[in-house]
Each structure stands twice: as C-alpha cells, then as structure tokens.
C-alpha cells in the first residue's frame, strides 16, 4: 500500500508500506529548485529520476552537485 505523506514545492512524497521505502513523485513543471529540498527529499528525487547516489555521498551539497551533473 502506498500512502501520501506530504506535498512539497517540487512534488509529492509517498511511503510504500510493502517496500518500507519513501517514493517521490516530481511535478512536471520543469526542474525543481534543489536547494530548497532536504537531504531525504533529494535522495528520493534522485531515485525517482533513476540516479544512483554513490555510497559515500552523505552531504546535502554533494548530493545536489551529483544530481545537477547527472540529470
């Protein structure tokens, strides 16, 4: 079961109870402002885009840079 947890300026976040994982659906209004997103939102956004963040990347700024370069 997928439950909507909240809406943000860039999309909607859901919780998948079967997979025990967050999902992020991005609004189709162009590119979001990544600097307004929290780390867990950035990770969910990257996952929704099919990007795999390298394991050692834990800083928000590094995640933003990775997404910008690879998106």
PDB file of N, CA and C in Angstrom:
ATOM      1  N   UNK A   1       0.841  -1.167   0.000  1.00  0.00           N
ATOM      2  CA  UNK A   1       0.000   0.000   0.000  1.00  0.00           C
ATOM      3  C   UNK A   1       0.892   1.238   0.000  1.00  0.00           C
ATOM      4  N   UNK A   2       0.546   2.215  -0.803  1.00  0.00           N
ATOM      5  CA  UNK A   2       1.300   3.456  -0.900  1.00  0.00           C
ATOM      6  C   UNK A   2       0.465   4.570  -0.268  1.00  0.00           C
ATOM      7  N   UNK A   3       1.076   5.283   0.681  1.00  0.00           N
ATOM      8  CA  UNK A   3       0.381   6.328   1.428  1.00  0.00           C
ATOM      9  C   UNK A   3       1.061   7.670   1.158  1.00  0.00           C
ATOM     10  N   UNK A   4       0.255   8.676   0.830  1.00  0.00           N
ATOM     11  CA  UNK A   4       0.805  10.018   0.640  1.00  0.00           C
ATOM     12  C   UNK A   4       1.206  10.571   2.001  1.00  0.00           C
ATOM     13  N   UNK A   5       2.468  11.025   2.111  1.00  0.00           N
ATOM     14  CA  UNK A   5       2.925  11.556   3.388  1.00  0.00           C
ATOM     15  C   UNK A   5       2.947  13.074   3.416  1.00  0.00           C
ATOM     16  N   UNK A   6       3.299  13.704   2.288  1.00  0.00           N
ATOM     17  CA  UNK A   6       3.270  15.167   2.236  1.00  0.00           C
ATOM     18  C   UNK A   6       3.509  15.664   0.824  1.00  0.00           C
ATOM     19  N   UNK A   7       3.133  16.932   0.631  1.00  0.00           N
ATOM     20  CA  UNK A   7       3.380  17.608  -0.642  1.00  0.00           C
ATOM     21  C   UNK A   7       4.410  18.694  -0.396  1.00  0.00           C
ATOM     22  N   UNK A   8       5.319  18.851  -1.355  1.00  0.00           N
ATOM     23  CA  UNK A   8       6.327  19.899  -1.282  1.00  0.00           C
ATOM     24  C   UNK A   8       6.198  20.776  -2.519  1.00  0.00           C
ATOM     25  N   UNK A   9       7.050  21.750  -2.623  1.00  0.00           N
ATOM     26  CA  UNK A   9       7.021  22.643  -3.779  1.00  0.00           C
ATOM     27  C   UNK A   9       7.408  21.919  -5.064  1.00  0.00           C
ATOM     28  N   UNK A  10       8.114  20.811  -4.946  1.00  0.00           N
ATOM     29  CA  UNK A  10       8.603  20.113  -6.132  1.00  0.00           C
ATOM     30  C   UNK A  10       7.869  18.823  -6.456  1.00  0.00           C
ATOM     31  N   UNK A  11       7.066  18.328  -5.523  1.00  0.00           N
ATOM     32  CA  UNK A  11       6.371  17.088  -5.792  1.00  0.00           C
ATOM     33  C   UNK A  11       5.680  16.541  -4.561  1.00  0.00           C
ATOM     34  N   UNK A  12       5.298  15.276  -4.636  1.00  0.00           N
ATOM     35  CA  UNK A  12       4.594  14.618  -3.546  1.00  0.00           C
ATOM     36  C   UNK A  12       5.411  13.428  -3.066  1.00  0.00           C
ATOM     37  N   UNK A  13       5.508  13.285  -1.757  1.00  0.00           N
ATOM     38  CA  UNK A  13       6.248  12.181  -1.162  1.00  0.00           C
ATOM     39  C   UNK A  13       5.254  11.128  -0.679  1.00  0.00           C
ATOM     40  N   UNK A  14       5.577   9.871  -0.943  1.00  0.00           N
ATOM     41  CA  UNK A  14       4.732   8.749  -0.553  1.00  0.00           C
ATOM     42  C   UNK A  14       5.553   7.754   0.260  1.00  0.00           C
ATOM     43  N   UNK A  15       4.869   6.955   1.064  1.00  0.00           N
ATOM     44  CA  UNK A  15       5.510   5.874   1.804  1.00  0.00           C
ATOM     45  C   UNK A  15       4.920   4.565   1.310  1.00  0.00           C
ATOM     46  N   UNK A  16       5.780   3.660   0.822  1.00  0.00           N
ATOM     47  CA  UNK A  16       5.365   2.340   0.365  1.00  0.00           C
ATOM     48  C   UNK A  16       5.494   1.382   1.539  1.00  0.00           C
ATOM     49  N   UNK A  17       4.366   0.920   2.079  1.00  0.00           N
ATOM     50  CA  UNK A  17       4.387   0.074   3.273  1.00  0.00           C
ATOM     51  C   UNK A  17       4.939  -1.322   2.993  1.00  0.00           C
ATOM     52  N   UNK A  18       4.817  -1.787   1.770  1.00  0.00           N
ATOM     53  CA  UNK A  18       5.342  -3.113   1.431  1.00  0.00           C
ATOM     54  C   UNK A  18       6.859  -3.090   1.271  1.00  0.00           C
ATOM     55  N   UNK A  19       7.374  -2.086   0.593  1.00  0.00           N
ATOM     56  CA  UNK A  19       8.814  -1.975   0.359  1.00  0.00           C
ATOM     57  C   UNK A  19       9.540  -1.267   1.495  1.00  0.00           C
ATOM     58  N   UNK A  20       8.764  -0.649   2.413  1.00  0.00           N
ATOM     59  CA  UNK A  20       9.330   0.121   3.527  1.00  0.00           C
ATOM     60  C   UNK A  20      10.315   1.167   3.004  1.00  0.00           C
ATOM     61  N   UNK A  21       9.843   1.936   2.020  1.00  0.00           N
ATOM     62  CA  UNK A  21      10.706   2.938   1.400  1.00  0.00           C
ATOM     63  C   UNK A  21       9.879   4.146   0.979  1.00  0.00           C
ATOM     64  N   UNK A  22      10.535   5.294   0.959  1.00  0.00           N
ATOM     65  CA  UNK A  22       9.893   6.522   0.504  1.00  0.00           C
ATOM     66  C   UNK A  22       9.958   6.599  -1.018  1.00  0.00           C
ATOM     67  N   UNK A  23       8.940   7.184  -1.596  1.00  0.00           N
ATOM     68  CA  UNK A  23       8.906   7.431  -3.029  1.00  0.00           C
ATOM     69  C   UNK A  23       8.606   8.904  -3.217  1.00  0.00           C
ATOM     70  N   UNK A  24       9.148   9.489  -4.251  1.00  0.00           N
ATOM     71  CA  UNK A  24       8.935  10.911  -4.501  1.00  0.00           C
ATOM     72  C   UNK A  24       8.490  11.100  -5.934  1.00  0.00           C
ATOM     73  N   UNK A  25       7.319  11.668  -6.121  1.00  0.00           N
ATOM     74  CA  UNK A  25       6.784  11.945  -7.450  1.00  0.00           C
ATOM     75  C   UNK A  25       6.990  13.422  -7.738  1.00  0.00           C
ATOM     76  N   UNK A  26       7.756  13.712  -8.752  1.00  0.00           N
ATOM     77  CA  UNK A  26       8.122  15.082  -9.087  1.00  0.00           C
ATOM     78  C   UNK A  26       7.057  15.691  -9.989  1.00  0.00           C
ATOM     79  N   UNK A  27       6.674  16.933  -9.680  1.00  0.00           N
ATOM     80  CA  UNK A  27       5.744  17.650 -10.545  1.00  0.00           C
ATOM     81  C   UNK A  27       6.420  17.913 -11.871  1.00  0.00           C
ATOM     82  N   UNK A  28       5.658  17.933 -12.922  1.00  0.00           N
ATOM     83  CA  UNK A  28       6.192  18.139 -14.269  1.00  0.00           C
ATOM     84  C   UNK A  28       6.209  19.616 -14.641  1.00  0.00           C
ATOM     85  N   UNK A  29       6.739  20.445 -13.804  1.00  0.00           N
ATOM     86  CA  UNK A  29       6.767  21.885 -14.055  1.00  0.00           C
ATOM     87  C   UNK A  29       8.205  22.372 -14.230  1.00  0.00           C
ATOM     88  N   UNK A  30       8.986  21.628 -14.949  1.00  0.00           N
ATOM     89  CA  UNK A  30      10.384  21.998 -15.134  1.00  0.00           C
ATOM     90  C   UNK A  30      11.246  21.441 -14.016  1.00  0.00           C
ATOM     91  N   UNK A  31      12.467  21.908 -13.948  1.00  0.00           N
ATOM     92  CA  UNK A  31      13.384  21.419 -12.924  1.00  0.00           C
ATOM     93  C   UNK A  31      13.085  22.061 -11.572  1.00  0.00           C
ATOM     94  N   UNK A  32      13.099  21.266 -10.514  1.00  0.00           N
ATOM     95  CA  UNK A  32      12.847  21.819  -9.179  1.00  0.00           C
ATOM     96  C   UNK A  32      14.074  22.567  -8.655  1.00  0.00           C
ATOM     97  N   UNK A  33      13.857  23.397  -7.664  1.00  0.00           N
ATOM     98  CA  UNK A  33      14.960  24.090  -7.000  1.00  0.00           C
ATOM     99  C   UNK A  33      15.521  23.139  -5.951  1.00  0.00           C
ATOM    100  N   UNK A  34      16.631  22.514  -6.268  1.00  0.00           N
ATOM    101  CA  UNK A  34      17.207  21.504  -5.383  1.00  0.00           C
ATOM    102  C   UNK A  34      17.661  22.095  -4.051  1.00  0.00           C
ATOM    103  N   UNK A  35      17.993  23.357  -4.036  1.00  0.00           N
ATOM    104  CA  UNK A  35      18.491  23.960  -2.802  1.00  0.00           C
ATOM    105  C   UNK A  35      17.394  24.106  -1.746  1.00  0.00           C
ATOM    106  N   UNK A  36      16.135  24.022  -2.150  1.00  0.00           N
ATOM    107  CA  UNK A  36      15.025  24.091  -1.203  1.00  0.00           C
ATOM    108  C   UNK A  36      14.673  22.722  -0.613  1.00  0.00           C
ATOM    109  N   UNK A  37      15.288  21.659  -1.144  1.00  0.00           N
ATOM    110  CA  UNK A  37      14.958  20.308  -0.709  1.00  0.00           C
ATOM    111  C   UNK A  37      15.850  19.849   0.438  1.00  0.00           C
ATOM    112  N   UNK A  38      15.282  19.033   1.311  1.00  0.00           N
ATOM    113  CA  UNK A  38      16.058  18.416   2.385  1.00  0.00           C
ATOM    114  C   UNK A  38      16.753  17.186   1.823  1.00  0.00           C
ATOM    115  N   UNK A  39      17.718  16.648   2.584  1.00  0.00           N
ATOM    116  CA  UNK A  39      18.517  15.528   2.091  1.00  0.00           C
ATOM    117  C   UNK A  39      17.652  14.339   1.691  1.00  0.00           C
ATOM    118  N   UNK A  40      16.701  13.953   2.531  1.00  0.00           N
ATOM    119  CA  UNK A  40      15.879  12.788   2.183  1.00  0.00           C
ATOM    120  C   UNK A  40      15.016  13.050   0.948  1.00  0.00           C
ATOM    121  N   UNK A  41      14.625  14.303   0.724  1.00  0.00           N
ATOM    122  CA  UNK A  41      13.875  14.659  -0.482  1.00  0.00           C
ATOM    123  C   UNK A  41      14.777  14.564  -1.710  1.00  0.00           C
ATOM    124  N   UNK A  42      16.022  15.002  -1.560  1.00  0.00           N
ATOM    125  CA  UNK A  42      16.981  14.914  -2.663  1.00  0.00           C
ATOM    126  C   UNK A  42      17.238  13.465  -3.053  1.00  0.00           C
ATOM    127  N   UNK A  43      17.395  12.613  -2.052  1.00  0.00           N
ATOM    128  CA  UNK A  43      17.644  11.198  -2.321  1.00  0.00           C
ATOM    129  C   UNK A  43      16.445  10.561  -3.010  1.00  0.00           C
ATOM    130  N   UNK A  44      15.245  10.894  -2.567  1.00  0.00           N
ATOM    131  CA  UNK A  44      14.036  10.365  -3.196  1.00  0.00           C
ATOM    132  C   UNK A  44      13.887  10.898  -4.623  1.00  0.00           C
ATOM    133  N   UNK A  45      14.219  12.174  -4.822  1.00  0.00           N
ATOM    134  CA  UNK A  45      14.163  12.775  -6.155  1.00  0.00           C
ATOM    135  C   UNK A  45      15.139  12.069  -7.096  1.00  0.00           C
ATOM    136  N   UNK A  46      16.355  11.853  -6.619  1.00  0.00           N
ATOM    137  CA  UNK A  46      17.360  11.166  -7.438  1.00  0.00           C
ATOM    138  C   UNK A  46      16.893   9.763  -7.803  1.00  0.00           C
ATOM    139  N   UNK A  47      16.319   9.072  -6.832  1.00  0.00           N
ATOM    140  CA  UNK A  47      15.831   7.713  -7.078  1.00  0.00           C
ATOM    141  C   UNK A  47      14.708   7.724  -8.113  1.00  0.00           C
ATOM    142  N   UNK A  48      13.809   8.705  -8.009  1.00  0.00           N
ATOM    143  CA  UNK A  48      12.710   8.814  -8.971  1.00  0.00           C
ATOM    144  C   UNK A  48      13.223   9.095 -10.382  1.00  0.00           C
ATOM    145  N   UNK A  49      14.354   9.778 -10.475  1.00  0.00           N
ATOM    146  CA  UNK A  49      14.969  10.077 -11.769  1.00  0.00           C
ATOM    147  C   UNK A  49      15.844   8.925 -12.275  1.00  0.00           C
ATOM    148  N   UNK A  50      15.999   7.880 -11.463  1.00  0.00           N
ATOM    149  CA  UNK A  50      16.817   6.737 -11.867  1.00  0.00           C
ATOM    150  C   UNK A  50      18.298   6.920 -11.597  1.00  0.00           C
ATOM    151  N   UNK A  51      18.647   7.906 -10.773  1.00  0.00           N
ATOM    152  CA  UNK A  51      20.049   8.148 -10.431  1.00  0.00           C
ATOM    153  C   UNK A  51      20.416   7.356  -9.183  1.00  0.00           C
ATOM    154  N   UNK A  52      21.597   6.798  -9.173  1.00  0.00           N
ATOM    155  CA  UNK A  52      22.089   6.069  -8.008  1.00  0.00           C
ATOM    156  C   UNK A  52      23.197   6.908  -7.375  1.00  0.00           C
ATOM    157  N   UNK A  53      22.929   7.412  -6.187  1.00  0.00           N
ATOM    158  CA  UNK A  53      23.890   8.239  -5.464  1.00  0.00           C
ATOM    159  C   UNK A  53      25.004   7.332  -4.939  1.00  0.00           C
ATOM    160  N   UNK A  54      26.278   7.670  -5.156  1.00  0.00           N
ATOM    161  CA  UNK A  54      27.377   6.857  -4.636  1.00  0.00           C
ATOM    162  C   UNK A  54      27.288   6.709  -3.114  1.00  0.00           C
ATOM    163  N   UNK A  55      27.689   5.538  -2.609  1.00  0.00           N
ATOM    164  CA  UNK A  55      27.541   5.217  -1.192  1.00  0.00           C
ATOM    165  C   UNK A  55      28.145   6.224  -0.237  1.00  0.00           C
ATOM    166  N   UNK A  56      29.286   6.757  -0.498  1.00  0.00           N
ATOM    167  CA  UNK A  56      29.952   7.665   0.423  1.00  0.00           C
ATOM    168  C   UNK A  56      29.405   9.084   0.417  1.00  0.00           C
ATOM    169  N   UNK A  57      28.429   9.354  -0.437  1.00  0.00           N
ATOM    170  CA  UNK A  57      27.893  10.702  -0.566  1.00  0.00           C
ATOM    171  C   UNK A  57      26.812  10.926   0.484  1.00  0.00           C
ATOM    172  N   UNK A  58      27.143  11.695   1.531  1.00  0.00           N
ATOM    173  CA  UNK A  58      26.192  11.917   2.615  1.00  0.00           C
ATOM    174  C   UNK A  58      25.879  13.387   2.852  1.00  0.00           C
ATOM    175  N   UNK A  59      26.670  14.276   2.269  1.00  0.00           N
ATOM    176  CA  UNK A  59      26.428  15.708   2.459  1.00  0.00           C
ATOM    177  C   UNK A  59      25.419  16.201   1.432  1.00  0.00           C
ATOM    178  N   UNK A  60      24.527  17.048   1.885  1.00  0.00           N
ATOM    179  CA  UNK A  60      23.468  17.591   1.046  1.00  0.00           C
ATOM    180  C   UNK A  60      24.041  18.297  -0.185  1.00  0.00           C
ATOM    181  N   UNK A  61      25.060  19.104   0.004  1.00  0.00           N
ATOM    182  CA  UNK A  61      25.666  19.842  -1.115  1.00  0.00           C
ATOM    183  C   UNK A  61      26.251  18.891  -2.154  1.00  0.00           C
ATOM    184  N   UNK A  62      26.847  17.795  -1.711  1.00  0.00           N
ATOM    185  CA  UNK A  62      27.412  16.813  -2.639  1.00  0.00           C
ATOM    186  C   UNK A  62      26.315  16.099  -3.424  1.00  0.00           C
ATOM    187  N   UNK A  63      25.198  15.829  -2.764  1.00  0.00           N
ATOM    188  CA  UNK A  63      24.074  15.179  -3.445  1.00  0.00           C
ATOM    189  C   UNK A  63      23.504  16.126  -4.500  1.00  0.00           C
ATOM    190  N   UNK A  64      23.349  17.394  -4.151  1.00  0.00           N
ATOM    191  CA  UNK A  64      22.845  18.383  -5.111  1.00  0.00           C
ATOM    192  C   UNK A  64      23.764  18.460  -6.328  1.00  0.00           C
ATOM    193  N   UNK A  65      25.064  18.524  -6.092  1.00  0.00           N
ATOM    194  CA  UNK A  65      26.027  18.592  -7.191  1.00  0.00           C
ATOM    195  C   UNK A  65      25.941  17.348  -8.075  1.00  0.00           C
ATOM    196  N   UNK A  66      25.828  16.168  -7.453  1.00  0.00           N
ATOM    197  CA  UNK A  66      25.722  14.913  -8.200  1.00  0.00           C
ATOM    198  C   UNK A  66      24.484  14.923  -9.090  1.00  0.00           C
ATOM    199  N   UNK A  67      23.356  15.363  -8.533  1.00  0.00           N
ATOM    200  CA  UNK A  67      22.105  15.397  -9.301  1.00  0.00           C
ATOM    201  C   UNK A  67      22.233  16.373 -10.461  1.00  0.00           C
ATOM    202  N   UNK A  68      22.777  17.555 -10.202  1.00  0.00           N
ATOM    203  CA  UNK A  68      22.916  18.561 -11.266  1.00  0.00           C
ATOM    204  C   UNK A  68      23.801  18.077 -12.398  1.00  0.00           C
ATOM    205  N   UNK A  69      24.872  17.382 -12.066  1.00  0.00           N
ATOM    206  CA  UNK A  69      25.800  16.892 -13.094  1.00  0.00           C
ATOM    207  C   UNK A  69      25.207  15.744 -13.889  1.00  0.00           C
ATOM    208  N   UNK A  70      24.422  14.882 -13.236  1.00  0.00           N
ATOM    209  CA  UNK A  70      23.942  13.671 -13.879  1.00  0.00           C
ATOM    210  C   UNK A  70      22.498  13.714 -14.350  1.00  0.00           C
ATOM    211  N   UNK A  71      21.802  14.800 -14.132  1.00  0.00           N
ATOM    212  CA  UNK A  71      20.395  14.878 -14.521  1.00  0.00           C
ATOM    213  C   UNK A  71      20.247  15.510 -15.882  1.00  0.00           C
TER     214      UNK A  71
END
